C-alpha atoms as a PDB file:
ATOM      1  CA  MET A   1       0.000   0.000   0.000  1.00  0.00           C
ATOM      2  CA  PRO A   2       1.478   3.368  -0.950  1.00  0.00           C
ATOM      3  CA  ALA A   3       2.165   5.977   1.700  1.00  0.00           C
ATOM      4  CA  PRO A   4      -0.417   8.760   2.093  1.00  0.00           C
ATOM      5  CA  TYR A   5       0.335  12.281   0.950  1.00  0.00           C
ATOM      6  CA  SER A   6       1.894  14.503   3.609  1.00  0.00           C
ATOM      7  CA  GLU A   7      -0.190  16.853   5.717  1.00  0.00           C
ATOM      8  CA  ASP A   8       1.585  19.984   4.455  1.00  0.00           C
ATOM      9  CA  LEU A   9       0.969  19.045   0.799  1.00  0.00           C
ATOM     10  CA  ARG A  10      -2.706  18.477   1.535  1.00  0.00           C
ATOM     11  CA  GLN A  11      -2.912  21.865   3.248  1.00  0.00           C
ATOM     12  CA  LYS A  12      -1.091  23.657   0.384  1.00  0.00           C
ATOM     13  CA  VAL A  13      -3.471  22.129  -2.163  1.00  0.00           C
ATOM     14  CA  LEU A  14      -6.564  23.095  -0.178  1.00  0.00           C
ATOM     15  CA  ASP A  15      -5.183  26.590   0.455  1.00  0.00           C
ATOM     16  CA  ALA A  16      -4.612  27.031  -3.300  1.00  0.00           C
ATOM     17  CA  ILE A  17      -8.209  26.038  -4.001  1.00  0.00           C
ATOM     18  CA  ALA A  18      -9.465  28.348  -1.243  1.00  0.00           C
ATOM     19  CA  SER A  19      -7.532  31.250  -2.773  1.00  0.00           C
ATOM     20  CA  GLY A  20      -9.544  30.891  -5.987  1.00  0.00           C
ATOM     21  CA  HIS A  21      -7.525  28.569  -8.245  1.00  0.00           C
ATOM     22  CA  ARG A  22      -9.404  25.950 -10.254  1.00  0.00           C
ATOM     23  CA  LYS A  23      -9.160  22.328  -9.142  1.00  0.00           C
ATOM     24  CA  SER A  24      -7.861  21.184 -12.539  1.00  0.00           C
ATOM     25  CA  HIS A  25      -5.056  23.783 -12.463  1.00  0.00           C
ATOM     26  CA  VAL A  26      -4.071  22.856  -8.895  1.00  0.00           C
ATOM     27  CA  SER A  27      -4.089  19.140  -9.750  1.00  0.00           C
ATOM     28  CA  GLN A  28      -1.675  19.757 -12.631  1.00  0.00           C
ATOM     29  CA  LEU A  29       0.480  22.077 -10.541  1.00  0.00           C
ATOM     30  CA  PHE A  30       0.925  19.580  -7.682  1.00  0.00           C
ATOM     31  CA  ASN A  31       0.798  16.506  -9.942  1.00  0.00           C
ATOM     32  CA  ILE A  32      -2.099  14.814  -8.151  1.00  0.00           C
ATOM     33  CA  SER A  33      -5.433  13.682  -9.508  1.00  0.00           C
ATOM     34  CA  ARG A  34      -8.516  15.809  -9.346  1.00  0.00           C
ATOM     35  CA  ASN A  35     -10.373  12.937  -7.696  1.00  0.00           C
ATOM     36  CA  THR A  36      -7.834  13.025  -4.851  1.00  0.00           C
ATOM     37  CA  ILE A  37      -8.554  16.709  -4.320  1.00  0.00           C
ATOM     38  CA  ASP A  38     -12.303  16.004  -4.282  1.00  0.00           C
ATOM     39  CA  LEU A  39     -11.774  13.266  -1.684  1.00  0.00           C
ATOM     40  CA  TRP A  40      -9.694  15.612   0.500  1.00  0.00           C
ATOM     41  CA  LEU A  41     -12.389  18.291   0.318  1.00  0.00           C
ATOM     42  CA  LYS A  42     -15.059  15.743   1.156  1.00  0.00           C
ATOM     43  CA  ARG A  43     -13.046  14.441   4.135  1.00  0.00           C
ATOM     44  CA  ARG A  44     -12.392  17.994   5.365  1.00  0.00           C
ATOM     45  CA  ASP A  45     -16.092  18.794   5.204  1.00  0.00           C
ATOM     46  CA  ALA A  46     -17.007  15.588   7.044  1.00  0.00           C
ATOM     47  CA  THR A  47     -14.316  15.532   9.749  1.00  0.00           C
ATOM     48  CA  GLY A  48     -12.836  19.023   9.778  1.00  0.00           C
ATOM     49  CA  SER A  49      -9.413  17.787   8.700  1.00  0.00           C
ATOM     50  CA  PRO A  50      -8.146  16.433   5.358  1.00  0.00           C
ATOM     51  CA  SER A  51      -5.594  14.194   7.084  1.00  0.00           C
ATOM     52  CA  ALA A  52      -5.236  10.544   6.135  1.00  0.00           C
ATOM     53  CA  ILE A  53      -6.996   7.786   8.044  1.00  0.00           C
ATOM     54  CA  ARG A  54      -4.467   5.895  10.132  1.00  0.00           C
ATOM     55  CA  HIS A  55      -4.387   2.724  12.208  1.00  0.00           C
ATOM     56  CA  TYR A  56      -7.381   0.974  10.750  1.00  0.00           C
ATOM     57  CA  PRO A  57      -7.574  -2.832  10.898  1.00  0.00           C
ATOM     58  CA  ARG A  58      -6.346  -4.551   7.765  1.00  0.00           C
ATOM     59  CA  GLY A  59      -7.467  -7.876   6.425  1.00  0.00           C
ATOM     60  CA  PRO A  60     -10.341 -10.027   7.506  1.00  0.00           C
ATOM     61  CA  GLN A  61     -11.093 -10.308  11.203  1.00  0.00           C
ATOM     62  CA  GLY A  62     -10.827 -13.718  12.819  1.00  0.00           C
ATOM     63  CA  LYS A  63     -13.923 -15.672  13.773  1.00  0.00           C
ATOM     64  CA  ILE A  64     -12.565 -16.158  17.300  1.00  0.00           C
ATOM     65  CA  THR A  65     -12.501 -12.658  18.752  1.00  0.00           C
ATOM     66  CA  ASP A  66     -12.296 -13.231  22.527  1.00  0.00           C
ATOM     67  CA  LEU A  67      -8.775 -14.642  22.867  1.00  0.00           C
ATOM     68  CA  GLU A  68      -8.887 -14.857  26.674  1.00  0.00           C
ATOM     69  CA  GLN A  69     -11.967 -17.062  26.550  1.00  0.00           C
ATOM     70  CA  PHE A  70     -10.308 -19.123  23.808  1.00  0.00           C
ATOM     71  CA  ARG A  71      -7.115 -19.467  25.873  1.00  0.00           C
ATOM     72  CA  VAL A  72      -9.174 -20.986  28.733  1.00  0.00           C
ATOM     73  CA  PHE A  73     -10.918 -23.280  26.251  1.00  0.00           C
ATOM     74  CA  ALA A  74      -7.573 -24.389  24.787  1.00  0.00           C
ATOM     75  CA  LYS A  75      -6.214 -25.272  28.242  1.00  0.00           C
ATOM     76  CA  GLN A  76      -9.306 -27.331  29.031  1.00  0.00           C
ATOM     77  CA  HIS A  77      -9.481 -29.111  25.671  1.00  0.00           C
ATOM     78  CA  GLY A  78      -5.787 -29.151  24.736  1.00  0.00           C
ATOM     79  CA  HIS A  79      -5.663 -32.950  24.758  1.00  0.00           C
ATOM     80  CA  LEU A  80      -8.084 -33.148  21.809  1.00  0.00           C
ATOM     81  CA  THR A  81      -7.215 -32.879  18.130  1.00  0.00           C
ATOM     82  CA  GLN A  82      -7.968 -29.639  16.323  1.00  0.00           C
ATOM     83  CA  LYS A  83     -10.948 -31.206  14.594  1.00  0.00           C
ATOM     84  CA  GLU A  84     -12.380 -32.381  17.930  1.00  0.00           C
ATOM     85  CA  MET A  85     -11.699 -28.977  19.483  1.00  0.00           C
ATOM     86  CA  ALA A  86     -13.538 -27.297  16.588  1.00  0.00           C
ATOM     87  CA  GLU A  87     -16.553 -29.521  17.268  1.00  0.00           C
ATOM     88  CA  GLN A  88     -16.458 -28.583  20.973  1.00  0.00           C
ATOM     89  CA  TRP A  89     -16.285 -24.824  20.287  1.00  0.00           C
ATOM     90  CA  GLY A  90     -19.632 -23.053  20.697  1.00  0.00           C
ATOM     91  CA  GLN A  91     -19.787 -21.709  17.141  1.00  0.00           C
ATOM     92  CA  PRO A  92     -19.319 -23.594  13.867  1.00  0.00           C
ATOM     93  CA  ILE A  93     -15.660 -23.163  12.829  1.00  0.00           C
ATOM     94  CA  SER A  94     -13.218 -25.244  10.851  1.00  0.00           C
ATOM     95  CA  ASP A  95     -10.205 -26.990  12.324  1.00  0.00           C
ATOM     96  CA  HIS A  96      -7.982 -24.728  10.203  1.00  0.00           C
ATOM     97  CA  THR A  97      -9.532 -21.605  11.769  1.00  0.00           C
ATOM     98  CA  LEU A  98      -9.049 -23.110  15.197  1.00  0.00           C
ATOM     99  CA  GLY A  99      -5.407 -23.867  14.369  1.00  0.00           C
ATOM    100  CA  LYS A 100      -4.793 -20.242  13.379  1.00  0.00           C
ATOM    101  CA  ALA A 101      -6.320 -19.074  16.661  1.00  0.00           C
ATOM    102  CA  LEU A 102      -4.135 -21.522  18.599  1.00  0.00           C
ATOM    103  CA  LYS A 103      -1.106 -20.076  16.871  1.00  0.00           C
ATOM    104  CA  ARG A 104      -2.241 -16.521  17.759  1.00  0.00           C
ATOM    105  CA  ILE A 105      -2.397 -17.324  21.472  1.00  0.00           C
ATOM    106  CA  GLY A 106       0.936 -19.181  21.363  1.00  0.00           C
ATOM    107  CA  PHE A 107      -0.502 -22.615  22.159  1.00  0.00           C
ATOM    108  CA  THR A 108       1.976 -25.248  20.990  1.00  0.00           C
ATOM    109  CA  ARG A 109       1.273 -28.872  20.310  1.00  0.00           C
ATOM    110  CA  LYS A 110       3.416 -31.976  20.074  1.00  0.00           C
ATOM    111  CA  LYS A 111       4.316 -32.500  16.442  1.00  0.00           C
ATOM    112  CA  ARG A 112       5.203 -36.228  16.461  1.00  0.00           C
ATOM    113  CA  ALA A 113       3.899 -39.190  18.404  1.00  0.00           C
ATOM    114  CA  MET A 114       7.396 -40.402  19.323  1.00  0.00           C
ATOM    115  CA  ALA A 115      10.867 -38.962  19.366  1.00  0.00           C
ATOM    116  CA  ILE A 116      13.104 -39.542  16.377  1.00  0.00           C
ATOM    117  CA  GLY A 117      16.769 -40.329  16.885  1.00  0.00           C
ATOM    118  CA  ASN A 118      19.644 -38.550  15.251  1.00  0.00           C
ATOM    119  CA  GLY A 119      19.445 -38.928  11.479  1.00  0.00           C
ATOM    120  CA  MET A 120      23.231 -38.903  11.057  1.00  0.00           C
ATOM    121  CA  LYS A 121      24.716 -42.357  11.276  1.00  0.00           C
ATOM    122  CA  ARG A 122      28.342 -43.027  11.760  1.00  0.00           C
ATOM    123  CA  ASN A 123      30.055 -45.065   9.117  1.00  0.00           C
ATOM    124  CA  GLY A 124      31.953 -47.186  11.600  1.00  0.00           C
ATOM    125  CA  LYS A 125      35.256 -45.337  11.315  1.00  0.00           C
ATOM    126  CA  SER A 126      36.482 -43.493  14.345  1.00  0.00           C
ATOM    127  CA  ALA A 127      37.567 -39.939  13.976  1.00  0.00           C
END
Protein backbone atom coordinates (compact mmCIF):
# COMPACT_ATOMS: atom_id res chain seq x y z
CA MET A 1 0.00 0.00 0.00
CA PRO A 2 1.48 3.37 -0.95
CA ALA A 3 2.16 5.98 1.70
CA PRO A 4 -0.42 8.76 2.09
CA TYR A 5 0.33 12.28 0.95
CA SER A 6 1.89 14.50 3.61
CA GLU A 7 -0.19 16.85 5.72
CA ASP A 8 1.59 19.98 4.45
CA LEU A 9 0.97 19.04 0.80
CA ARG A 10 -2.71 18.48 1.53
CA GLN A 11 -2.91 21.86 3.25
CA LYS A 12 -1.09 23.66 0.38
CA VAL A 13 -3.47 22.13 -2.16
CA LEU A 14 -6.56 23.10 -0.18
CA ASP A 15 -5.18 26.59 0.45
CA ALA A 16 -4.61 27.03 -3.30
CA ILE A 17 -8.21 26.04 -4.00
CA ALA A 18 -9.47 28.35 -1.24
CA SER A 19 -7.53 31.25 -2.77
CA GLY A 20 -9.54 30.89 -5.99
CA HIS A 21 -7.52 28.57 -8.25
CA ARG A 22 -9.40 25.95 -10.25
CA LYS A 23 -9.16 22.33 -9.14
CA SER A 24 -7.86 21.18 -12.54
CA HIS A 25 -5.06 23.78 -12.46
CA VAL A 26 -4.07 22.86 -8.89
CA SER A 27 -4.09 19.14 -9.75
CA GLN A 28 -1.67 19.76 -12.63
CA LEU A 29 0.48 22.08 -10.54
CA PHE A 30 0.92 19.58 -7.68
CA ASN A 31 0.80 16.51 -9.94
CA ILE A 32 -2.10 14.81 -8.15
CA SER A 33 -5.43 13.68 -9.51
CA ARG A 34 -8.52 15.81 -9.35
CA ASN A 35 -10.37 12.94 -7.70
CA THR A 36 -7.83 13.02 -4.85
CA ILE A 37 -8.55 16.71 -4.32
CA ASP A 38 -12.30 16.00 -4.28
CA LEU A 39 -11.77 13.27 -1.68
CA TRP A 40 -9.69 15.61 0.50
CA LEU A 41 -12.39 18.29 0.32
CA LYS A 42 -15.06 15.74 1.16
CA ARG A 43 -13.05 14.44 4.14
CA ARG A 44 -12.39 17.99 5.37
CA ASP A 45 -16.09 18.79 5.20
CA ALA A 46 -17.01 15.59 7.04
CA THR A 47 -14.32 15.53 9.75
CA GLY A 48 -12.84 19.02 9.78
CA SER A 49 -9.41 17.79 8.70
CA PRO A 50 -8.15 16.43 5.36
CA SER A 51 -5.59 14.19 7.08
CA ALA A 52 -5.24 10.54 6.13
CA ILE A 53 -7.00 7.79 8.04
CA ARG A 54 -4.47 5.89 10.13
CA HIS A 55 -4.39 2.72 12.21
CA TYR A 56 -7.38 0.97 10.75
CA PRO A 57 -7.57 -2.83 10.90
CA ARG A 58 -6.35 -4.55 7.77
CA GLY A 59 -7.47 -7.88 6.42
CA PRO A 60 -10.34 -10.03 7.51
CA GLN A 61 -11.09 -10.31 11.20
CA GLY A 62 -10.83 -13.72 12.82
CA LYS A 63 -13.92 -15.67 13.77
CA ILE A 64 -12.57 -16.16 17.30
CA THR A 65 -12.50 -12.66 18.75
CA ASP A 66 -12.30 -13.23 22.53
CA LEU A 67 -8.77 -14.64 22.87
CA GLU A 68 -8.89 -14.86 26.67
CA GLN A 69 -11.97 -17.06 26.55
CA PHE A 70 -10.31 -19.12 23.81
CA ARG A 71 -7.12 -19.47 25.87
CA VAL A 72 -9.17 -20.99 28.73
CA PHE A 73 -10.92 -23.28 26.25
CA ALA A 74 -7.57 -24.39 24.79
CA LYS A 75 -6.21 -25.27 28.24
CA GLN A 76 -9.31 -27.33 29.03
CA HIS A 77 -9.48 -29.11 25.67
CA GLY A 78 -5.79 -29.15 24.74
CA HIS A 79 -5.66 -32.95 24.76
CA LEU A 80 -8.08 -33.15 21.81
CA THR A 81 -7.22 -32.88 18.13
CA GLN A 82 -7.97 -29.64 16.32
CA LYS A 83 -10.95 -31.21 14.59
CA GLU A 84 -12.38 -32.38 17.93
CA MET A 85 -11.70 -28.98 19.48
CA ALA A 86 -13.54 -27.30 16.59
CA GLU A 87 -16.55 -29.52 17.27
CA GLN A 88 -16.46 -28.58 20.97
CA TRP A 89 -16.29 -24.82 20.29
CA GLY A 90 -19.63 -23.05 20.70
CA GLN A 91 -19.79 -21.71 17.14
CA PRO A 92 -19.32 -23.59 13.87
CA ILE A 93 -15.66 -23.16 12.83
CA SER A 94 -13.22 -25.24 10.85
CA ASP A 95 -10.20 -26.99 12.32
CA HIS A 96 -7.98 -24.73 10.20
CA THR A 97 -9.53 -21.60 11.77
CA LEU A 98 -9.05 -23.11 15.20
CA GLY A 99 -5.41 -23.87 14.37
CA LYS A 100 -4.79 -20.24 13.38
CA ALA A 101 -6.32 -19.07 16.66
CA LEU A 102 -4.13 -21.52 18.60
CA LYS A 103 -1.11 -20.08 16.87
CA ARG A 104 -2.24 -16.52 17.76
CA ILE A 105 -2.40 -17.32 21.47
CA GLY A 106 0.94 -19.18 21.36
CA PHE A 107 -0.50 -22.62 22.16
CA THR A 108 1.98 -25.25 20.99
CA ARG A 109 1.27 -28.87 20.31
CA LYS A 110 3.42 -31.98 20.07
CA LYS A 111 4.32 -32.50 16.44
CA ARG A 112 5.20 -36.23 16.46
CA ALA A 113 3.90 -39.19 18.40
CA MET A 114 7.40 -40.40 19.32
CA ALA A 115 10.87 -38.96 19.37
CA ILE A 116 13.10 -39.54 16.38
CA GLY A 117 16.77 -40.33 16.89
CA ASN A 118 19.64 -38.55 15.25
CA GLY A 119 19.44 -38.93 11.48
CA MET A 120 23.23 -38.90 11.06
CA LYS A 121 24.72 -42.36 11.28
CA ARG A 122 28.34 -43.03 11.76
CA ASN A 123 30.06 -45.06 9.12
CA GLY A 124 31.95 -47.19 11.60
CA LYS A 125 35.26 -45.34 11.32
CA SER A 126 36.48 -43.49 14.35
CA ALA A 127 37.57 -39.94 13.98
